[in-house]
Amino acid sequence: MPTKSKKTKSAGRFGARYGKKVRMKVVNVEKKQRIKQTCPFCKKLGVKRLSKGIWKCSKCEKKFASNTYYLEK
């Protein structure tokens, strides 16, 4: 059985469906939403996404609503 030659990252779950451009857009959004962001209150790196639009800072313990996938700078 041949091995895959391309890396699919998090969009590998879609297989060959939806086209490359759409899958790459999904990969970019998911990569941004899973990293720690800078807190708008204490300006430290430690905000994680809890759910759609709900964010929590691990440093100052504030929970707030903002953008859905990642915080704008």
PDB file of N, CA and C in Angstrom:
ATOM      1  N   MET A   1       0.842  -1.176   0.000  1.00  0.00           N
ATOM      2  CA  MET A   1       0.000   0.000   0.000  1.00  0.00           C
ATOM      3  C   MET A   1       0.891   1.244   0.000  1.00  0.00           C
ATOM      4  N   PRO A   2       0.663   2.180  -0.895  1.00  0.00           N
ATOM      5  CA  PRO A   2       1.519   3.366  -0.947  1.00  0.00           C
ATOM      6  C   PRO A   2       1.282   4.292   0.240  1.00  0.00           C
ATOM      7  N   THR A   3       2.327   5.027   0.587  1.00  0.00           N
ATOM      8  CA  THR A   3       2.202   5.973   1.693  1.00  0.00           C
ATOM      9  C   THR A   3       1.785   7.338   1.152  1.00  0.00           C
ATOM     10  N   LYS A   4       1.208   8.145   2.021  1.00  0.00           N
ATOM     11  CA  LYS A   4       0.812   9.490   1.612  1.00  0.00           C
ATOM     12  C   LYS A   4       2.053  10.357   1.472  1.00  0.00           C
ATOM     13  N   SER A   5       2.070  11.210   0.466  1.00  0.00           N
ATOM     14  CA  SER A   5       3.242  12.051   0.256  1.00  0.00           C
ATOM     15  C   SER A   5       3.009  13.483   0.729  1.00  0.00           C
ATOM     16  N   LYS A   6       1.743  13.878   0.971  1.00  0.00           N
ATOM     17  CA  LYS A   6       1.453  15.247   1.391  1.00  0.00           C
ATOM     18  C   LYS A   6       0.985  15.256   2.832  1.00  0.00           C
ATOM     19  N   LYS A   7       1.329  16.306   3.547  1.00  0.00           N
ATOM     20  CA  LYS A   7       0.857  16.451   4.916  1.00  0.00           C
ATOM     21  C   LYS A   7      -0.492  17.151   4.878  1.00  0.00           C
ATOM     22  N   THR A   8      -1.431  16.616   5.599  1.00  0.00           N
ATOM     23  CA  THR A   8      -2.782  17.172   5.556  1.00  0.00           C
ATOM     24  C   THR A   8      -3.133  17.974   6.797  1.00  0.00           C
ATOM     25  N   LYS A   9      -2.353  17.862   7.853  1.00  0.00           N
ATOM     26  CA  LYS A   9      -2.572  18.580   9.102  1.00  0.00           C
ATOM     27  C   LYS A   9      -3.941  18.276   9.675  1.00  0.00           C
ATOM     28  N   SER A  10      -4.613  19.252  10.260  1.00  0.00           N
ATOM     29  CA  SER A  10      -5.882  18.988  10.930  1.00  0.00           C
ATOM     30  C   SER A  10      -7.028  18.754   9.950  1.00  0.00           C
ATOM     31  N   ALA A  11      -6.866  19.119   8.679  1.00  0.00           N
ATOM     32  CA  ALA A  11      -7.928  18.920   7.695  1.00  0.00           C
ATOM     33  C   ALA A  11      -7.887  17.530   7.074  1.00  0.00           C
ATOM     34  N   GLY A  12      -7.024  16.669   7.562  1.00  0.00           N
ATOM     35  CA  GLY A  12      -6.942  15.317   7.043  1.00  0.00           C
ATOM     36  C   GLY A  12      -8.211  14.525   7.287  1.00  0.00           C
ATOM     37  N   ARG A  13      -9.009  14.957   8.248  1.00  0.00           N
ATOM     38  CA  ARG A  13     -10.262  14.256   8.541  1.00  0.00           C
ATOM     39  C   ARG A  13     -11.278  14.390   7.420  1.00  0.00           C
ATOM     40  N   PHE A  14     -11.085  15.351   6.496  1.00  0.00           N
ATOM     41  CA  PHE A  14     -12.006  15.537   5.377  1.00  0.00           C
ATOM     42  C   PHE A  14     -11.671  14.660   4.183  1.00  0.00           C
ATOM     43  N   GLY A  15     -10.487  14.064   4.196  1.00  0.00           N
ATOM     44  CA  GLY A  15     -10.082  13.210   3.085  1.00  0.00           C
ATOM     45  C   GLY A  15      -9.891  14.023   1.815  1.00  0.00           C
ATOM     46  N   ALA A  16     -10.447  13.540   0.704  1.00  0.00           N
ATOM     47  CA  ALA A  16     -10.282  14.217  -0.583  1.00  0.00           C
ATOM     48  C   ALA A  16     -11.441  15.161  -0.880  1.00  0.00           C
ATOM     49  N   ARG A  17     -12.307  15.383   0.082  1.00  0.00           N
ATOM     50  CA  ARG A  17     -13.491  16.217  -0.153  1.00  0.00           C
ATOM     51  C   ARG A  17     -13.195  17.709   0.007  1.00  0.00           C
ATOM     52  N   TYR A  18     -14.023  18.537  -0.560  1.00  0.00           N
ATOM     53  CA  TYR A  18     -14.092  19.999  -0.399  1.00  0.00           C
ATOM     54  C   TYR A  18     -13.019  20.799  -1.119  1.00  0.00           C
ATOM     55  N   GLY A  19     -11.971  20.239  -1.607  1.00  0.00           N
ATOM     56  CA  GLY A  19     -10.943  20.972  -2.341  1.00  0.00           C
ATOM     57  C   GLY A  19      -9.810  21.447  -1.449  1.00  0.00           C
ATOM     58  N   LYS A  20      -8.674  21.680  -2.046  1.00  0.00           N
ATOM     59  CA  LYS A  20      -7.475  22.026  -1.295  1.00  0.00           C
ATOM     60  C   LYS A  20      -7.566  23.397  -0.641  1.00  0.00           C
ATOM     61  N   LYS A  21      -8.097  24.393  -1.361  1.00  0.00           N
ATOM     62  CA  LYS A  21      -8.148  25.747  -0.812  1.00  0.00           C
ATOM     63  C   LYS A  21      -9.005  25.813   0.448  1.00  0.00           C
ATOM     64  N   VAL A  22     -10.143  25.166   0.412  1.00  0.00           N
ATOM     65  CA  VAL A  22     -11.038  25.179   1.570  1.00  0.00           C
ATOM     66  C   VAL A  22     -10.386  24.471   2.756  1.00  0.00           C
ATOM     67  N   ARG A  23      -9.743  23.341   2.487  1.00  0.00           N
ATOM     68  CA  ARG A  23      -9.084  22.611   3.570  1.00  0.00           C
ATOM     69  C   ARG A  23      -7.937  23.412   4.171  1.00  0.00           C
ATOM     70  N   MET A  24      -7.184  24.133   3.346  1.00  0.00           N
ATOM     71  CA  MET A  24      -6.085  24.944   3.860  1.00  0.00           C
ATOM     72  C   MET A  24      -6.599  26.122   4.692  1.00  0.00           C
ATOM     73  N   LYS A  25      -7.748  26.695   4.312  1.00  0.00           N
ATOM     74  CA  LYS A  25      -8.350  27.760   5.116  1.00  0.00           C
ATOM     75  C   LYS A  25      -8.754  27.234   6.487  1.00  0.00           C
ATOM     76  N   VAL A  26      -9.300  26.032   6.523  1.00  0.00           N
ATOM     77  CA  VAL A  26      -9.677  25.411   7.795  1.00  0.00           C
ATOM     78  C   VAL A  26      -8.440  25.178   8.655  1.00  0.00           C
ATOM     79  N   VAL A  27      -7.360  24.710   8.056  1.00  0.00           N
ATOM     80  CA  VAL A  27      -6.119  24.470   8.790  1.00  0.00           C
ATOM     81  C   VAL A  27      -5.612  25.766   9.405  1.00  0.00           C
ATOM     82  N   ASN A  28      -5.630  26.867   8.651  1.00  0.00           N
ATOM     83  CA  ASN A  28      -5.129  28.140   9.160  1.00  0.00           C
ATOM     84  C   ASN A  28      -5.966  28.660  10.316  1.00  0.00           C
ATOM     85  N   VAL A  29      -7.286  28.557  10.221  1.00  0.00           N
ATOM     86  CA  VAL A  29      -8.167  29.019  11.302  1.00  0.00           C
ATOM     87  C   VAL A  29      -7.965  28.159  12.546  1.00  0.00           C
ATOM     88  N   GLU A  30      -7.901  26.850  12.379  1.00  0.00           N
ATOM     89  CA  GLU A  30      -7.742  25.968  13.529  1.00  0.00           C
ATOM     90  C   GLU A  30      -6.382  26.131  14.197  1.00  0.00           C
ATOM     91  N   LYS A  31      -5.358  26.429  13.406  1.00  0.00           N
ATOM     92  CA  LYS A  31      -4.038  26.659  13.980  1.00  0.00           C
ATOM     93  C   LYS A  31      -4.052  27.908  14.859  1.00  0.00           C
ATOM     94  N   LYS A  32      -4.721  28.971  14.391  1.00  0.00           N
ATOM     95  CA  LYS A  32      -4.799  30.219  15.155  1.00  0.00           C
ATOM     96  C   LYS A  32      -5.633  30.064  16.417  1.00  0.00           C
ATOM     97  N   GLN A  33      -6.728  29.312  16.342  1.00  0.00           N
ATOM     98  CA  GLN A  33      -7.634  29.247  17.486  1.00  0.00           C
ATOM     99  C   GLN A  33      -7.096  28.373  18.615  1.00  0.00           C
ATOM    100  N   ARG A  34      -6.136  27.503  18.333  1.00  0.00           N
ATOM    101  CA  ARG A  34      -5.651  26.595  19.366  1.00  0.00           C
ATOM    102  C   ARG A  34      -4.414  27.099  20.105  1.00  0.00           C
ATOM    103  N   ILE A  35      -3.830  28.208  19.677  1.00  0.00           N
ATOM    104  CA  ILE A  35      -2.662  28.737  20.382  1.00  0.00           C
ATOM    105  C   ILE A  35      -3.103  29.718  21.454  1.00  0.00           C
ATOM    106  N   LYS A  36      -2.226  29.969  22.418  1.00  0.00           N
ATOM    107  CA  LYS A  36      -2.533  30.945  23.452  1.00  0.00           C
ATOM    108  C   LYS A  36      -2.420  32.340  22.863  1.00  0.00           C
ATOM    109  N   GLN A  37      -3.357  33.211  23.246  1.00  0.00           N
ATOM    110  CA  GLN A  37      -3.418  34.568  22.732  1.00  0.00           C
ATOM    111  C   GLN A  37      -3.008  35.561  23.823  1.00  0.00           C
ATOM    112  N   THR A  38      -2.827  36.826  23.473  1.00  0.00           N
ATOM    113  CA  THR A  38      -2.486  37.868  24.431  1.00  0.00           C
ATOM    114  C   THR A  38      -3.745  38.435  25.052  1.00  0.00           C
ATOM    115  N   CYS A  39      -3.758  38.532  26.373  1.00  0.00           N
ATOM    116  CA  CYS A  39      -4.922  39.022  27.106  1.00  0.00           C
ATOM    117  C   CYS A  39      -5.074  40.530  26.892  1.00  0.00           C
ATOM    118  N   PRO A  40      -6.283  41.015  26.557  1.00  0.00           N
ATOM    119  CA  PRO A  40      -6.475  42.461  26.378  1.00  0.00           C
ATOM    120  C   PRO A  40      -6.479  43.237  27.696  1.00  0.00           C
ATOM    121  N   PHE A  41      -6.612  42.546  28.822  1.00  0.00           N
ATOM    122  CA  PHE A  41      -6.649  43.208  30.119  1.00  0.00           C
ATOM    123  C   PHE A  41      -5.272  43.297  30.757  1.00  0.00           C
ATOM    124  N   CYS A  42      -4.583  42.153  30.896  1.00  0.00           N
ATOM    125  CA  CYS A  42      -3.280  42.159  31.569  1.00  0.00           C
ATOM    126  C   CYS A  42      -2.107  42.135  30.594  1.00  0.00           C
ATOM    127  N   LYS A  43      -2.375  42.024  29.288  1.00  0.00           N
ATOM    128  CA  LYS A  43      -1.365  42.053  28.217  1.00  0.00           C
ATOM    129  C   LYS A  43      -0.343  40.916  28.303  1.00  0.00           C
ATOM    130  N   LYS A  44      -0.715  39.789  28.929  1.00  0.00           N
ATOM    131  CA  LYS A  44       0.182  38.643  29.008  1.00  0.00           C
ATOM    132  C   LYS A  44      -0.338  37.513  28.138  1.00  0.00           C
ATOM    133  N   LEU A  45       0.547  36.633  27.763  1.00  0.00           N
ATOM    134  CA  LEU A  45       0.190  35.498  26.930  1.00  0.00           C
ATOM    135  C   LEU A  45      -0.439  34.425  27.812  1.00  0.00           C
ATOM    136  N   GLY A  46      -1.697  34.158  27.622  1.00  0.00           N
ATOM    137  CA  GLY A  46      -2.328  33.141  28.458  1.00  0.00           C
ATOM    138  C   GLY A  46      -3.809  32.966  28.213  1.00  0.00           C
ATOM    139  N   VAL A  47      -4.364  33.582  27.183  1.00  0.00           N
ATOM    140  CA  VAL A  47      -5.789  33.461  26.906  1.00  0.00           C
ATOM    141  C   VAL A  47      -6.029  32.237  26.040  1.00  0.00           C
ATOM    142  N   LYS A  48      -6.947  31.375  26.475  1.00  0.00           N
ATOM    143  CA  LYS A  48      -7.315  30.198  25.706  1.00  0.00           C
ATOM    144  C   LYS A  48      -8.787  30.276  25.352  1.00  0.00           C
ATOM    145  N   ARG A  49      -9.141  29.671  24.259  1.00  0.00           N
ATOM    146  CA  ARG A  49     -10.525  29.640  23.792  1.00  0.00           C
ATOM    147  C   ARG A  49     -11.256  28.512  24.499  1.00  0.00           C
ATOM    148  N   LEU A  50     -12.345  28.827  25.189  1.00  0.00           N
ATOM    149  CA  LEU A  50     -13.147  27.810  25.861  1.00  0.00           C
ATOM    150  C   LEU A  50     -14.193  27.235  24.920  1.00  0.00           C
ATOM    151  N   SER A  51     -14.892  28.114  24.218  1.00  0.00           N
ATOM    152  CA  SER A  51     -15.880  27.699  23.226  1.00  0.00           C
ATOM    153  C   SER A  51     -16.049  28.854  22.248  1.00  0.00           C
ATOM    154  N   LYS A  52     -17.072  28.799  21.402  1.00  0.00           N
ATOM    155  CA  LYS A  52     -17.258  29.846  20.383  1.00  0.00           C
ATOM    156  C   LYS A  52     -17.387  31.217  21.041  1.00  0.00           C
ATOM    157  N   GLY A  53     -16.401  32.064  20.878  1.00  0.00           N
ATOM    158  CA  GLY A  53     -16.467  33.432  21.359  1.00  0.00           C
ATOM    159  C   GLY A  53     -16.226  33.601  22.841  1.00  0.00           C
ATOM    160  N   ILE A  54     -15.947  32.545  23.593  1.00  0.00           N
ATOM    161  CA  ILE A  54     -15.688  32.634  25.029  1.00  0.00           C
ATOM    162  C   ILE A  54     -14.209  32.365  25.266  1.00  0.00           C
ATOM    163  N   TRP A  55     -13.560  33.316  25.930  1.00  0.00           N
ATOM    164  CA  TRP A  55     -12.126  33.242  26.175  1.00  0.00           C
ATOM    165  C   TRP A  55     -11.861  33.371  27.664  1.00  0.00           C
ATOM    166  N   LYS A  56     -10.750  32.763  28.144  1.00  0.00           N
ATOM    167  CA  LYS A  56     -10.372  32.871  29.546  1.00  0.00           C
ATOM    168  C   LYS A  56      -8.869  33.039  29.653  1.00  0.00           C
ATOM    169  N   CYS A  57      -8.473  34.026  30.461  1.00  0.00           N
ATOM    170  CA  CYS A  57      -7.050  34.284  30.703  1.00  0.00           C
ATOM    171  C   CYS A  57      -6.609  33.461  31.903  1.00  0.00           C
ATOM    172  N   SER A  58      -5.521  32.716  31.750  1.00  0.00           N
ATOM    173  CA  SER A  58      -5.027  31.893  32.851  1.00  0.00           C
ATOM    174  C   SER A  58      -4.227  32.715  33.857  1.00  0.00           C
ATOM    175  N   LYS A  59      -3.817  33.905  33.489  1.00  0.00           N
ATOM    176  CA  LYS A  59      -3.020  34.749  34.395  1.00  0.00           C
ATOM    177  C   LYS A  59      -3.906  35.583  35.316  1.00  0.00           C
ATOM    178  N   CYS A  60      -4.855  36.344  34.738  1.00  0.00           N
ATOM    179  CA  CYS A  60      -5.699  37.223  35.549  1.00  0.00           C
ATOM    180  C   CYS A  60      -7.076  36.622  35.820  1.00  0.00           C
ATOM    181  N   GLU A  61      -7.318  35.398  35.327  1.00  0.00           N
ATOM    182  CA  GLU A  61      -8.558  34.654  35.570  1.00  0.00           C
ATOM    183  C   GLU A  61      -9.821  35.351  35.056  1.00  0.00           C
ATOM    184  N   LYS A  62      -9.696  36.249  34.089  1.00  0.00           N
ATOM    185  CA  LYS A  62     -10.876  36.904  33.515  1.00  0.00           C
ATOM    186  C   LYS A  62     -11.442  36.039  32.409  1.00  0.00           C
ATOM    187  N   LYS A  63     -12.765  35.988  32.374  1.00  0.00           N
ATOM    188  CA  LYS A  63     -13.461  35.276  31.307  1.00  0.00           C
ATOM    189  C   LYS A  63     -14.261  36.336  30.561  1.00  0.00           C
ATOM    190  N   PHE A  64     -14.147  36.342  29.240  1.00  0.00           N
ATOM    191  CA  PHE A  64     -14.799  37.388  28.460  1.00  0.00           C
ATOM    192  C   PHE A  64     -15.215  36.865  27.103  1.00  0.00           C
ATOM    193  N   ALA A  65     -16.089  37.614  26.457  1.00  0.00           N
ATOM    194  CA  ALA A  65     -16.550  37.277  25.114  1.00  0.00           C
ATOM    195  C   ALA A  65     -15.822  38.162  24.114  1.00  0.00           C
ATOM    196  N   SER A  66     -15.459  37.578  22.982  1.00  0.00           N
ATOM    197  CA  SER A  66     -14.774  38.331  21.937  1.00  0.00           C
ATOM    198  C   SER A  66     -15.003  37.607  20.615  1.00  0.00           C
ATOM    199  N   ASN A  67     -14.057  37.731  19.712  1.00  0.00           N
ATOM    200  CA  ASN A  67     -14.202  37.116  18.398  1.00  0.00           C
ATOM    201  C   ASN A  67     -14.307  35.590  18.504  1.00  0.00           C
ATOM    202  N   THR A  68     -14.845  34.975  17.484  1.00  0.00           N
ATOM    203  CA  THR A  68     -15.158  33.551  17.538  1.00  0.00           C
ATOM    204  C   THR A  68     -13.921  32.667  17.515  1.00  0.00           C
ATOM    205  N   TYR A  69     -13.014  32.862  16.567  1.00  0.00           N
ATOM    206  CA  TYR A  69     -11.915  31.924  16.388  1.00  0.00           C
ATOM    207  C   TYR A  69     -10.596  32.381  16.982  1.00  0.00           C
ATOM    208  N   TYR A  70     -10.263  33.648  16.874  1.00  0.00           N
ATOM    209  CA  TYR A  70      -9.014  34.149  17.448  1.00  0.00           C
ATOM    210  C   TYR A  70      -9.175  35.634  17.743  1.00  0.00           C
ATOM    211  N   LEU A  71      -8.366  36.121  18.683  1.00  0.00           N
ATOM    212  CA  LEU A  71      -8.441  37.520  19.098  1.00  0.00           C
ATOM    213  C   LEU A  71      -7.692  38.398  18.118  1.00  0.00           C
ATOM    214  N   GLU A  72      -8.298  39.500  17.739  1.00  0.00           N
ATOM    215  CA  GLU A  72      -7.639  40.458  16.845  1.00  0.00           C
ATOM    216  C   GLU A  72      -6.603  41.239  17.643  1.00  0.00           C
ATOM    217  N   LYS A  73      -5.522  41.614  16.959  1.00  0.00           N
ATOM    218  CA  LYS A  73      -4.464  42.371  17.656  1.00  0.00           C
ATOM    219  C   LYS A  73      -4.586  43.829  17.366  1.00  0.00           C
TER     220      LYS A  73
END
